[in-house]
Protein backbone atom coordinates (compact mmCIF):
# COMPACT_ATOMS: atom_id res chain seq x y z
CA MET A 1 27.24 -1.66 -3.56
CA THR A 2 23.79 -1.54 -1.97
CA PRO A 3 22.81 -0.14 1.47
CA GLU A 4 22.55 -3.71 2.76
CA GLU A 5 26.08 -4.45 1.59
CA LEU A 6 27.26 -1.26 3.26
CA LYS A 7 25.60 -2.35 6.50
CA ASP A 8 27.56 -5.59 6.29
CA ALA A 9 30.75 -3.59 5.69
CA ILE A 10 30.05 -1.40 8.73
CA ALA A 11 29.34 -4.45 10.89
CA ALA A 12 32.63 -5.96 9.71
CA ALA A 13 34.47 -2.73 10.54
CA ILE A 14 32.98 -2.78 14.06
CA SER A 15 34.13 -6.38 14.53
CA GLN A 16 37.62 -5.47 13.31
CA LEU A 17 37.78 -2.49 15.67
CA ASN A 18 36.69 -4.68 18.58
CA GLU A 19 39.46 -7.11 17.83
CA GLU A 20 42.16 -4.48 17.35
CA ARG A 21 41.20 -2.27 20.31
CA GLY A 22 39.77 -4.82 22.73
CA LEU A 23 36.32 -3.20 22.61
CA SER A 24 32.90 -4.85 22.84
CA ILE A 25 30.79 -2.74 20.48
CA GLU A 26 27.74 -4.39 18.94
CA ALA A 27 26.36 -3.24 15.62
CA PRO A 28 22.94 -1.68 16.35
CA ALA A 29 19.95 -3.77 15.32
CA SER A 30 18.57 -0.62 13.70
CA LEU A 31 21.76 0.25 11.83
CA VAL A 32 20.85 3.07 9.43
CA VAL A 33 22.42 3.72 6.04
CA GLU A 34 20.76 6.52 4.11
CA ARG A 35 21.44 9.05 1.44
CA PRO A 36 22.79 12.38 2.77
CA LYS A 37 20.63 15.40 2.02
CA ASN A 38 23.61 17.11 0.41
CA ARG A 39 25.07 14.98 -2.37
CA ALA A 40 28.43 16.70 -1.94
CA HIS A 41 28.77 14.83 1.34
CA GLY A 42 28.95 11.45 -0.40
CA ASP A 43 26.78 8.60 -1.61
CA TRP A 44 25.65 7.32 1.80
CA SER A 45 25.68 8.33 5.45
CA THR A 46 25.38 6.45 8.74
CA ASN A 47 24.91 7.49 12.36
CA VAL A 48 26.37 4.26 13.75
CA ALA A 49 29.09 6.11 15.69
CA LEU A 50 26.47 8.22 17.46
CA GLN A 51 24.53 5.07 18.36
CA SER A 52 27.52 3.07 19.63
CA ALA A 53 29.98 5.63 21.10
CA LYS A 54 28.76 5.42 24.69
CA ARG A 55 29.12 1.63 24.76
CA ALA A 56 32.65 1.97 23.37
CA GLY A 57 33.66 4.60 25.91
CA LEU A 58 34.62 6.97 23.09
CA SER A 59 33.27 10.22 21.75
CA PRO A 60 31.10 9.83 18.62
CA ARG A 61 33.65 11.68 16.49
CA GLU A 62 36.51 9.53 17.79
CA LEU A 63 34.63 6.30 17.11
CA GLY A 64 33.49 7.70 13.76
CA ALA A 65 37.09 8.47 12.76
CA ASP A 66 38.21 4.92 13.64
CA LEU A 67 35.36 3.34 11.68
CA ALA A 68 35.84 5.71 8.74
CA ALA A 69 39.51 4.70 8.48
CA LEU A 70 38.58 1.01 8.38
CA LEU A 71 35.77 1.59 5.88
CA SER A 72 38.04 3.62 3.59
CA ALA A 73 40.32 0.61 3.28
CA ARG A 74 37.52 -1.70 2.12
CA GLU A 75 37.13 -2.63 -1.52
CA GLY A 76 34.48 -0.58 -3.29
CA ILE A 77 34.65 2.39 -0.91
CA ALA A 78 36.56 5.38 -2.24
CA ARG A 79 36.37 7.50 0.90
CA ALA A 80 34.73 7.66 4.33
CA ASP A 81 34.74 10.90 6.35
CA VAL A 82 33.44 12.02 9.73
CA ALA A 83 31.07 14.99 9.74
CA GLY A 84 29.21 16.98 12.36
CA PRO A 85 28.81 15.32 15.76
CA GLY A 86 29.87 11.92 14.41
CA PHE A 87 28.11 11.05 11.16
CA ILE A 88 30.13 8.97 8.70
CA ASN A 89 29.75 9.97 5.06
CA ILE A 90 30.70 7.30 2.53
CA THR A 91 31.64 7.76 -1.12
CA LEU A 92 31.73 4.63 -3.25
CA GLU A 93 34.13 3.84 -6.06
CA ALA A 94 32.46 4.20 -9.44
CA ALA A 95 32.66 0.46 -10.14
CA ALA A 96 31.07 -0.45 -6.81
CA ALA A 97 28.33 2.12 -7.26
CA GLY A 98 27.68 1.11 -10.86
CA ALA A 99 27.47 -2.61 -10.17
CA VAL A 100 23.99 -2.14 -8.73
CA ALA A 101 22.68 -1.45 -12.26
CA ALA A 102 23.62 -4.94 -13.43
CA ASP A 103 22.18 -6.43 -10.22
CA ILE A 104 18.85 -4.72 -10.90
CA VAL A 105 18.69 -5.93 -14.49
CA ALA A 106 19.47 -9.47 -13.35
CA ALA A 107 16.84 -9.38 -10.59
CA GLY A 108 14.17 -7.86 -12.82
CA ARG A 109 10.73 -7.74 -11.25
CA ASP A 110 12.13 -9.19 -8.00
CA TYR A 111 14.39 -6.20 -7.35
CA GLY A 112 13.18 -4.45 -4.21
CA ARG A 113 11.41 -7.50 -2.86
CA SER A 114 12.64 -8.85 0.48
CA ASP A 115 11.89 -11.19 3.37
CA GLU A 116 11.44 -8.27 5.78
CA LEU A 117 7.98 -9.57 6.79
CA ALA A 118 8.57 -13.26 6.05
CA GLY A 119 6.45 -15.47 8.28
CA GLU A 120 3.83 -12.80 8.98
CA THR A 121 0.26 -13.71 8.06
CA ILE A 122 -1.74 -10.55 7.48
CA ASN A 123 -5.44 -10.02 6.79
CA MET A 124 -6.11 -6.69 5.10
CA GLU A 125 -9.76 -5.67 5.18
CA PHE A 126 -10.73 -2.57 3.24
CA VAL A 127 -13.55 -0.91 1.26
CA SER A 128 -16.25 -3.27 2.69
CA ALA A 129 -19.09 -1.11 1.40
CA ASN A 130 -22.71 -2.11 1.88
CA PRO A 131 -23.96 -4.04 -1.19
CA THR A 132 -26.92 -1.69 -1.48
CA GLY A 133 -25.51 0.78 -4.01
CA PRO A 134 -22.57 1.66 -6.25
CA LEU A 135 -19.10 2.38 -4.89
CA HIS A 136 -18.62 6.11 -4.47
CA LEU A 137 -16.01 8.75 -3.69
CA GLY A 138 -15.94 7.77 -0.02
CA HIS A 139 -14.76 4.26 -0.91
CA THR A 140 -12.24 5.36 -3.52
CA ARG A 141 -9.35 6.28 -1.25
CA TRP A 142 -9.27 3.00 0.62
CA ALA A 143 -9.65 1.00 -2.60
CA ALA A 144 -6.44 2.61 -3.90
CA LEU A 145 -4.57 2.78 -0.60
CA GLY A 146 -5.63 -0.62 0.69
CA ASP A 147 -4.56 -2.38 -2.48
CA ALA A 148 -1.23 -0.50 -2.53
CA ILE A 149 -0.56 -1.40 1.11
CA ALA A 150 -1.29 -5.05 0.38
CA ARG A 151 1.12 -4.92 -2.57
CA VAL A 152 4.02 -3.46 -0.55
CA LEU A 153 3.39 -5.94 2.26
CA ARG A 154 3.66 -8.81 -0.21
CA ALA A 155 6.81 -7.25 -1.70
CA ALA A 156 8.32 -7.31 1.79
CA GLY A 157 7.62 -11.02 2.15
CA GLY A 158 4.35 -10.91 4.08
CA SER A 159 1.65 -13.51 3.44
CA VAL A 160 -1.29 -11.19 2.77
CA ALA A 161 -4.98 -11.81 2.14
CA SER A 162 -6.95 -8.79 0.99
CA GLU A 163 -10.52 -9.10 2.19
CA TYR A 164 -13.84 -7.42 1.46
CA TYR A 165 -16.37 -7.74 4.29
CA ILE A 166 -19.80 -7.77 2.67
CA ASN A 167 -22.28 -6.09 5.00
CA ASP A 168 -25.16 -8.21 3.76
CA ALA A 169 -26.99 -8.66 7.07
CA GLY A 170 -29.17 -6.15 8.87
CA SER A 171 -31.91 -3.65 8.21
CA GLN A 172 -30.16 -1.97 5.27
CA MET A 173 -30.71 -5.11 3.19
CA GLU A 174 -34.43 -5.05 3.94
CA THR A 175 -34.57 -1.37 2.96
CA PHE A 176 -32.71 -2.25 -0.24
CA ALA A 177 -35.23 -4.98 -1.08
CA ASP A 178 -38.15 -2.62 -0.34
CA SER A 179 -36.64 -0.01 -2.67
CA VAL A 180 -36.28 -2.51 -5.54
CA LEU A 181 -39.80 -3.87 -5.01
CA ALA A 182 -41.21 -0.35 -5.11
CA ARG A 183 -39.50 0.38 -8.44
CA MET A 184 -40.65 -2.98 -9.85
CA HIS A 185 -44.21 -1.88 -9.28
CA GLY A 186 -43.87 1.73 -10.38
CA ARG A 187 -43.83 3.31 -6.92
CA ASP A 188 -41.43 5.78 -5.36
CA VAL A 189 -38.95 4.21 -2.98
CA PRO A 190 -40.15 4.26 0.64
CA GLU A 191 -39.00 6.93 3.05
CA GLY A 192 -35.39 6.23 3.97
CA GLY A 193 -35.02 4.01 0.90
CA TYR A 194 -32.31 4.05 -1.75
CA PRO A 195 -32.82 6.59 -4.54
CA GLY A 196 -31.07 6.57 -7.89
CA GLN A 197 -31.50 5.14 -11.34
CA TYR A 198 -29.50 2.04 -10.40
CA ILE A 199 -32.41 0.80 -8.25
CA ALA A 200 -34.76 1.14 -11.22
CA ASP A 201 -32.18 -0.63 -13.41
CA ILE A 202 -31.99 -3.54 -10.96
CA ALA A 203 -35.79 -3.70 -10.83
CA GLN A 204 -35.96 -3.79 -14.63
CA ALA A 205 -33.32 -6.51 -14.83
CA LEU A 206 -35.26 -8.66 -12.36
CA LEU A 207 -38.52 -8.21 -14.25
CA GLU A 208 -36.79 -9.26 -17.46
CA ARG A 209 -35.59 -12.41 -15.68
CA HIS A 210 -38.95 -13.06 -14.01
CA PRO A 211 -41.83 -11.42 -15.95
CA GLN A 212 -44.31 -13.13 -13.61
CA TRP A 213 -43.06 -11.00 -10.72
CA SER A 214 -44.87 -7.95 -12.07
CA ASP A 215 -48.18 -9.37 -10.76
CA ALA A 216 -46.90 -11.55 -7.91
CA PRO A 217 -47.73 -10.65 -4.28
CA GLU A 218 -44.73 -8.85 -2.85
CA ASP A 219 -44.62 -10.92 0.32
CA GLU A 220 -44.21 -14.08 -1.80
CA ILE A 221 -41.28 -12.82 -3.87
CA ARG A 222 -39.62 -10.50 -1.38
CA ALA A 223 -36.92 -12.93 -0.21
CA GLN A 224 -35.95 -13.84 -3.78
CA VAL A 225 -35.97 -10.20 -4.89
CA ARG A 226 -33.68 -9.38 -1.98
CA ALA A 227 -31.29 -12.21 -2.89
CA GLU A 228 -31.11 -11.53 -6.63
CA ALA A 229 -30.95 -7.73 -6.28
CA TYR A 230 -28.06 -8.24 -3.85
CA GLU A 231 -26.26 -10.46 -6.37
CA LEU A 232 -26.65 -7.86 -9.12
CA GLN A 233 -25.41 -5.02 -6.95
CA LEU A 234 -22.46 -7.04 -5.65
CA ALA A 235 -21.56 -7.91 -9.25
CA ASP A 236 -21.56 -4.18 -10.05
CA ILE A 237 -19.20 -3.53 -7.12
CA ARG A 238 -16.86 -6.30 -8.25
CA SER A 239 -16.88 -4.99 -11.81
CA THR A 240 -16.06 -1.45 -10.68
CA LEU A 241 -13.17 -2.69 -8.55
CA ASP A 242 -11.88 -4.75 -11.48
CA ASP A 243 -11.88 -1.60 -13.62
CA PHE A 244 -9.93 0.09 -10.81
CA GLY A 245 -7.37 -2.72 -10.75
CA VAL A 246 -8.32 -3.88 -7.25
CA ALA A 247 -8.75 -7.62 -6.68
CA PHE A 248 -9.74 -9.18 -3.36
CA ASP A 249 -8.57 -12.61 -2.26
CA VAL A 250 -11.57 -13.09 0.02
CA TRP A 251 -15.16 -11.87 -0.17
CA PHE A 252 -16.55 -12.54 3.31
CA SER A 253 -20.29 -12.44 3.93
CA GLU A 254 -21.51 -11.00 7.21
CA GLN A 255 -24.65 -13.10 6.81
CA SER A 256 -22.48 -16.23 6.98
CA LEU A 257 -21.72 -15.38 10.62
CA TYR A 258 -25.44 -15.63 11.37
CA ASP A 259 -26.05 -18.71 9.23
CA SER A 260 -23.16 -20.62 10.83
CA ASN A 261 -24.15 -19.69 14.40
CA ALA A 262 -20.75 -18.00 14.74
CA LEU A 263 -22.23 -15.11 16.75
CA ALA A 264 -23.51 -17.38 19.54
CA THR A 265 -20.27 -19.36 19.48
CA SER A 266 -18.14 -16.22 19.73
CA VAL A 267 -20.13 -14.94 22.71
CA GLN A 268 -19.57 -18.26 24.46
CA ARG A 269 -15.84 -18.22 23.68
CA LEU A 270 -15.48 -14.70 25.09
CA ARG A 271 -17.51 -15.72 28.14
CA GLU A 272 -15.07 -18.57 28.75
CA GLN A 273 -12.26 -15.99 28.68
CA GLY A 274 -14.02 -14.27 31.60
CA HIS A 275 -14.98 -11.05 29.83
CA VAL A 276 -18.73 -11.50 29.24
CA TYR A 277 -21.43 -10.75 31.80
CA ASP A 278 -25.23 -10.46 31.91
CA GLU A 279 -27.06 -7.37 33.09
CA GLY A 280 -30.54 -6.00 32.51
CA GLY A 281 -31.43 -8.99 30.36
CA ALA A 282 -28.62 -8.16 27.91
CA VAL A 283 -25.25 -9.81 27.33
CA TRP A 284 -22.25 -7.48 27.65
CA LEU A 285 -18.53 -7.59 26.82
CA ARG A 286 -16.46 -5.88 29.51
CA THR A 287 -14.37 -3.80 27.08
CA THR A 288 -13.54 -1.16 29.71
CA THR A 289 -11.02 -3.66 31.09
CA PHE A 290 -9.03 -3.03 27.93
CA GLY A 291 -9.29 0.74 27.69
CA ASP A 292 -12.63 1.20 25.91
CA ASP A 293 -14.72 4.12 27.16
CA LYS A 294 -17.69 1.89 28.03
CA ASP A 295 -18.72 -1.76 28.03
CA ARG A 296 -20.45 -2.96 24.87
CA VAL A 297 -23.69 -4.88 24.41
CA LEU A 298 -23.35 -8.13 22.45
CA ILE A 299 -26.92 -9.41 22.72
CA ARG A 300 -29.80 -7.04 23.43
CA ALA A 301 -32.47 -7.81 26.03
CA ASP A 302 -34.81 -8.82 23.19
CA GLY A 303 -32.36 -11.52 22.14
CA ASN A 304 -31.12 -9.81 18.99
CA PRO A 305 -27.35 -9.48 18.47
CA THR A 306 -25.79 -6.06 18.00
CA TYR A 307 -23.48 -5.04 15.19
CA PHE A 308 -20.71 -5.20 17.78
CA ALA A 309 -21.43 -8.91 18.17
CA SER A 310 -20.80 -9.27 14.43
CA ASP A 311 -17.51 -7.40 14.86
CA ALA A 312 -16.47 -9.80 17.62
CA ALA A 313 -17.46 -12.90 15.67
CA TYR A 314 -15.70 -11.61 12.57
CA TYR A 315 -12.48 -10.92 14.50
CA LEU A 316 -12.51 -14.41 15.99
CA ASN A 317 -13.16 -15.85 12.54
CA LYS A 318 -10.06 -14.10 11.17
CA ARG A 319 -8.10 -15.39 14.13
CA ASP A 320 -9.34 -18.94 13.50
CA ARG A 321 -8.26 -18.67 9.87
CA GLY A 322 -4.69 -18.21 11.05
CA TYR A 323 -4.10 -14.50 10.50
CA GLU A 324 -1.60 -13.25 13.06
CA ARG A 325 -2.15 -9.63 12.10
CA LYS A 326 -5.57 -8.21 11.36
CA VAL A 327 -5.48 -4.84 9.60
CA TYR A 328 -8.67 -2.77 9.34
CA LEU A 329 -8.82 0.22 7.00
CA LEU A 330 -11.69 2.43 8.11
CA GLY A 331 -13.17 5.74 7.04
CA ALA A 332 -12.78 9.11 8.73
CA ASP A 333 -16.06 8.67 10.64
CA HIS A 334 -14.92 5.46 12.32
CA HIS A 335 -12.56 6.79 15.01
CA GLY A 336 -14.90 5.40 17.65
CA TYR A 337 -14.26 1.88 16.39
CA VAL A 338 -10.59 1.89 17.35
CA GLY A 339 -11.03 1.30 21.08
CA ARG A 340 -13.77 -1.28 20.75
CA LEU A 341 -11.96 -3.33 18.09
CA LYS A 342 -8.77 -3.36 20.13
CA ALA A 343 -10.82 -4.40 23.14
CA ILE A 344 -12.22 -7.36 21.17
CA ALA A 345 -8.65 -8.41 20.30
CA ALA A 346 -7.58 -8.21 23.94
CA ALA A 347 -10.67 -10.07 25.15
CA ALA A 348 -9.89 -12.83 22.65
CA GLY A 349 -6.43 -13.23 24.18
CA ASP A 350 -4.48 -11.34 21.52
CA ASP A 351 -2.09 -8.44 21.96
CA PRO A 352 -4.00 -5.35 20.75
CA GLU A 353 -0.73 -3.59 20.00
CA ALA A 354 0.55 -6.39 17.76
CA ASN A 355 -2.34 -8.46 16.43
CA ILE A 356 -4.70 -5.73 15.27
CA GLU A 357 -4.04 -2.51 13.38
CA ILE A 358 -6.69 0.10 12.60
CA LEU A 359 -5.88 2.71 9.98
CA ILE A 360 -8.19 5.71 9.60
CA GLY A 361 -8.34 7.46 6.25
CA GLN A 362 -9.33 11.10 5.90
CA LEU A 363 -11.89 12.41 3.45
CA ILE A 364 -11.12 13.36 -0.13
CA LYS A 365 -12.63 15.90 -2.50
CA VAL A 366 -12.48 16.15 -6.26
CA ASN A 367 -12.86 19.65 -7.62
CA GLY A 368 -15.66 19.86 -10.15
CA ALA A 369 -16.90 16.29 -9.63
CA LYS A 370 -20.59 15.87 -10.41
CA LEU A 371 -23.14 13.68 -8.69
CA SER A 372 -23.76 10.42 -10.48
CA LYS A 373 -26.70 10.41 -12.89
CA ARG A 374 -27.11 6.70 -12.15
CA ALA A 375 -26.87 6.85 -8.35
CA GLY A 376 -28.42 10.28 -7.98
CA ASN A 377 -26.93 11.50 -4.72
CA ILE A 378 -23.29 10.41 -4.76
CA ILE A 379 -20.07 10.84 -6.77
CA GLU A 380 -19.65 7.36 -8.18
CA LEU A 381 -16.27 5.64 -8.48
CA ARG A 382 -17.15 4.36 -11.94
CA ASP A 383 -17.66 7.95 -13.15
CA LEU A 384 -14.35 9.03 -11.61
CA ILE A 385 -12.53 6.24 -13.43
CA ASP A 386 -14.12 7.24 -16.74
CA TRP A 387 -13.31 10.91 -16.13
CA LEU A 388 -9.81 10.83 -14.65
CA GLY A 389 -8.52 7.37 -15.54
CA ALA A 390 -7.70 4.55 -13.12
CA ASP A 391 -3.93 5.19 -13.17
CA ALA A 392 -4.16 8.89 -12.34
CA LEU A 393 -6.79 8.32 -9.69
CA ARG A 394 -5.01 5.41 -8.00
CA TYR A 395 -1.59 7.04 -7.97
CA SER A 396 -2.89 10.38 -6.69
CA LEU A 397 -4.85 8.74 -3.88
CA ALA A 398 -1.94 6.54 -2.76
CA ARG A 399 0.79 9.21 -2.90
CA ILE A 400 -0.63 11.16 0.07
CA PRO A 401 -0.59 9.80 3.66
CA ALA A 402 -3.93 8.27 4.61
CA ASP A 403 -4.36 10.56 7.63
CA SER A 404 -4.12 13.72 5.50
CA PRO A 405 -7.23 15.28 3.90
CA LEU A 406 -6.92 15.37 0.13
CA THR A 407 -8.40 17.47 -2.65
CA LEU A 408 -7.74 16.29 -6.20
CA ASP A 409 -7.45 18.73 -9.09
CA PRO A 410 -8.85 17.11 -12.25
CA GLU A 411 -7.10 19.60 -14.52
CA VAL A 412 -3.73 18.46 -13.17
CA LEU A 413 -4.59 14.76 -13.25
CA ARG A 414 -5.73 14.96 -16.87
CA SER A 415 -2.72 16.96 -18.03
CA ALA A 416 0.28 15.57 -19.89
CA SER A 417 2.80 17.65 -17.97
CA ALA A 418 5.38 17.46 -15.21
CA ASP A 419 2.76 18.93 -12.86
CA ASN A 420 0.91 15.63 -13.03
CA PRO A 421 2.88 13.24 -10.77
CA VAL A 422 1.69 10.01 -12.36
CA TYR A 423 2.37 11.32 -15.86
CA TYR A 424 5.83 12.46 -14.76
CA VAL A 425 6.75 8.98 -13.48
CA GLN A 426 5.10 7.08 -16.33
CA TYR A 427 6.80 9.33 -18.86
CA ALA A 428 10.17 8.57 -17.28
CA HIS A 429 9.52 4.86 -17.74
CA ALA A 430 8.37 5.32 -21.35
CA ARG A 431 11.39 7.52 -22.06
CA ALA A 432 13.77 4.90 -20.60
CA ARG A 433 12.22 2.21 -22.78
CA GLY A 434 12.49 4.51 -25.78
CA VAL A 435 16.16 5.17 -25.01
CA GLU A 436 16.80 1.43 -25.05
CA ARG A 437 14.97 0.94 -28.34
CA ASN A 438 17.00 3.70 -29.97
CA ALA A 439 20.28 2.41 -28.50
CA ARG A 440 19.67 -1.11 -29.71
CA ALA A 441 18.82 0.20 -33.16
CA ALA A 442 22.15 2.08 -33.16
CA GLY A 443 24.02 -1.11 -32.35
CA VAL A 444 24.59 -0.57 -28.64
CA GLY A 445 24.73 -3.79 -26.65
CA ALA A 446 25.05 -4.51 -22.96
CA GLU A 447 27.14 -7.64 -23.07
CA ASP A 448 30.44 -6.11 -21.86
CA PHE A 449 29.29 -4.04 -18.90
CA ASP A 450 31.99 -2.03 -17.13
CA PRO A 451 30.41 -0.30 -14.10
CA ALA A 452 33.49 1.88 -13.59
CA LEU A 453 32.51 3.83 -16.73
CA LEU A 454 29.42 5.22 -15.00
CA SER A 455 31.35 8.14 -13.57
CA ASP A 456 29.30 11.20 -14.52
CA PRO A 457 27.92 13.08 -11.46
CA THR A 458 24.37 12.51 -12.68
CA GLU A 459 25.09 8.80 -12.85
CA ALA A 460 26.27 8.76 -9.25
CA VAL A 461 23.00 10.38 -8.18
CA LEU A 462 20.89 8.01 -10.27
CA LEU A 463 22.74 4.90 -9.07
CA SER A 464 22.40 5.99 -5.46
CA ALA A 465 18.65 6.41 -5.93
CA LEU A 466 18.33 2.99 -7.56
CA ALA A 467 20.23 1.33 -4.74
CA ASP A 468 17.86 2.91 -2.22
CA TYR A 469 14.70 1.31 -3.65
CA PRO A 470 14.70 -1.88 -1.52
CA ARG A 471 14.97 0.18 1.67
CA VAL A 472 12.06 2.37 0.59
CA VAL A 473 9.82 -0.63 -0.10
CA ALA A 474 10.69 -2.29 3.21
CA GLN A 475 10.00 0.94 5.10
CA ALA A 476 6.70 1.47 3.27
CA ALA A 477 5.66 -2.04 4.28
CA ARG A 478 6.66 -1.66 7.93
CA LEU A 479 4.85 1.66 8.27
CA ARG A 480 1.88 0.77 6.00
CA GLU A 481 2.70 3.88 3.96
CA PRO A 482 2.76 3.29 0.18
CA HIS A 483 3.06 7.03 -0.39
CA ARG A 484 6.76 6.58 0.36
CA VAL A 485 7.07 4.50 -2.82
CA ALA A 486 5.28 7.16 -4.86
CA ARG A 487 7.48 9.99 -3.59
CA TYR A 488 10.56 7.84 -4.23
CA LEU A 489 9.44 7.22 -7.83
CA GLU A 490 9.05 10.93 -8.42
CA SER A 491 12.56 11.55 -7.07
CA LEU A 492 13.94 8.73 -9.20
CA ALA A 493 12.19 10.11 -12.29
CA ALA A 494 13.77 13.51 -11.64
CA ALA A 495 17.24 11.95 -11.33
CA PHE A 496 16.67 10.00 -14.54
CA HIS A 497 15.56 13.05 -16.52
CA LYS A 498 18.68 14.95 -15.41
CA TRP A 499 20.87 12.01 -16.41
CA TYR A 500 19.10 11.77 -19.76
CA ASP A 501 19.92 15.43 -20.44
CA ALA A 502 23.59 14.97 -19.49
CA CYS A 503 24.55 11.53 -20.86
CA ARG A 504 24.10 9.88 -24.24
CA VAL A 505 23.26 6.20 -24.51
CA SER A 506 23.25 6.18 -28.31
CA PRO A 507 26.23 7.45 -30.32
CA ARG A 508 25.82 10.72 -32.20
CA GLY A 509 26.16 10.80 -35.98
CA ASP A 510 29.18 8.78 -37.11
CA GLU A 511 30.44 8.29 -33.56
CA GLU A 512 31.58 4.75 -32.79
CA VAL A 513 29.77 2.63 -30.21
CA THR A 514 31.91 2.49 -27.06
CA ALA A 515 31.90 0.63 -23.79
CA THR A 516 30.51 3.77 -22.14
CA HIS A 517 27.40 3.57 -24.31
CA SER A 518 27.00 -0.07 -23.26
CA ALA A 519 27.37 0.77 -19.57
CA ARG A 520 24.78 3.51 -19.88
CA LEU A 521 22.38 1.14 -21.60
CA VAL A 522 22.51 -1.11 -18.54
CA LEU A 523 21.87 1.90 -16.29
CA ASP A 524 18.92 2.90 -18.48
CA ARG A 525 17.47 -0.61 -18.28
CA ALA A 526 17.91 -0.68 -14.52
CA THR A 527 16.06 2.62 -14.16
CA ALA A 528 13.18 1.42 -16.31
CA GLN A 529 12.97 -1.75 -14.24
CA VAL A 530 12.80 0.06 -10.91
CA LEU A 531 10.21 2.51 -12.24
CA ALA A 532 8.11 -0.42 -13.47
CA ASN A 533 8.49 -2.27 -10.17
CA GLY A 534 7.46 0.77 -8.16
CA LEU A 535 4.48 1.56 -10.38
CA GLU A 536 3.34 -2.03 -10.00
CA LEU A 537 3.32 -1.61 -6.22
CA MET A 538 1.10 1.43 -6.68
CA GLY A 539 -1.23 -0.57 -8.91
CA VAL A 540 -0.40 1.68 -11.87
CA SER A 541 0.64 0.72 -15.40
CA ALA A 542 4.15 1.33 -16.77
CA PRO A 543 3.60 2.29 -20.43
CA GLU A 544 6.27 1.51 -23.00
CA ARG A 545 5.36 4.56 -25.09
CA MET A 546 3.58 7.85 -24.38
């Protein structure tokens, strides 16, 4: 019996009580069924009596006692008791609790997926680094977190497009081209230019493609150098993200907003909404109407658009592409963007509390990390992947809330020990797969599954944890917090390891294969499946052997 099935049972008990007592209690829309902190209190607990007592004209304990009596009589529930001010603790019958293992095996990769966010169209923009250099430590956290958030949103039924906004317009691209040209002709990069061996490597690659450029006037080749150097650097970014297991559905060019005249069009659209005005020769968006600390310039007095104009055009473009929710994942230095982006949403006619979300990630540090030899002045993501491994890096970055500063310890992440969270979870999956291989070799099958045989206390704990997985995924999606999945996996791994120590799936010595061995094999398979499903949401592999 899953938490959702228990919710249905509680709703049915409320309906029965209404009929028998002439009451008009409604099951709360936010009916909560969760695991009690103390396992001795039962398998599940609900606060429904506390939520509904006032409407019923009863005390919470009185209502709780009535509901507990009705729940205790339902098939699959061994006992329901009232505790504290009115909590109802529920203990399932072994067969009802154990049935979830077979359900998980049958569902496979789909277990934990739901329609919680069905119908929601979500644009997730993250990383969005300038294409003027390699991805570095500052981009790493959002690459891991953004991809994990997108995965849990999809698991909850959302229609999600992950998007990389390529900042390929503006002065930084001219500086990038000047830096490459300088290296092509043996000069130091100009002041304020981009240092690092990667610039020299790009210059060398371009000269190998176009030997004639070594003597060509720079003003004649500058535009082509800029374009091809940009392509090479963007290809390096894509390759690094591929190695990190992060794939984007959309690569959106900022320059396309200029080329398509979208900036001028967006200014006109916002003017028609009544929020644009002219002053001092410039064009302004009245963002103070929507809580921003000051109005923002869209077009300067010299006729050039501001970066804010690009932000506005980009938001409207996302809106035109049909994304109801626009999620921005920004770095720790972007707090000032929150008000202005929400103001753009409001000026466009959207609800800034519903149609746009801005998540701010805090900085990370890696003890002992060295500056990149290739990039010169940064800690490069590619080097971190080579040093720590994509799995360890991704899991560690996504298991901590985005708004918490984070320092990674390489010695822990590289260790094959229980101190390393990703190793601990992956090892649990590999162990579960190994248990199945050994059981099958010993002749244990899973054809005649009797869930009532899963009666050991460690099995009750493990089954309860497995049943809780769909709730955890749905909550992680609603809150945009994939770390909840990671912490769940670590708890599940701990429950599995304790069960492994207490219960045998394979017979010992000359012992005959029994139905209990078969039931435990199903439980083992279910655990492996949930571990694999959760690791997939984190973007981490689930090894069969370790």
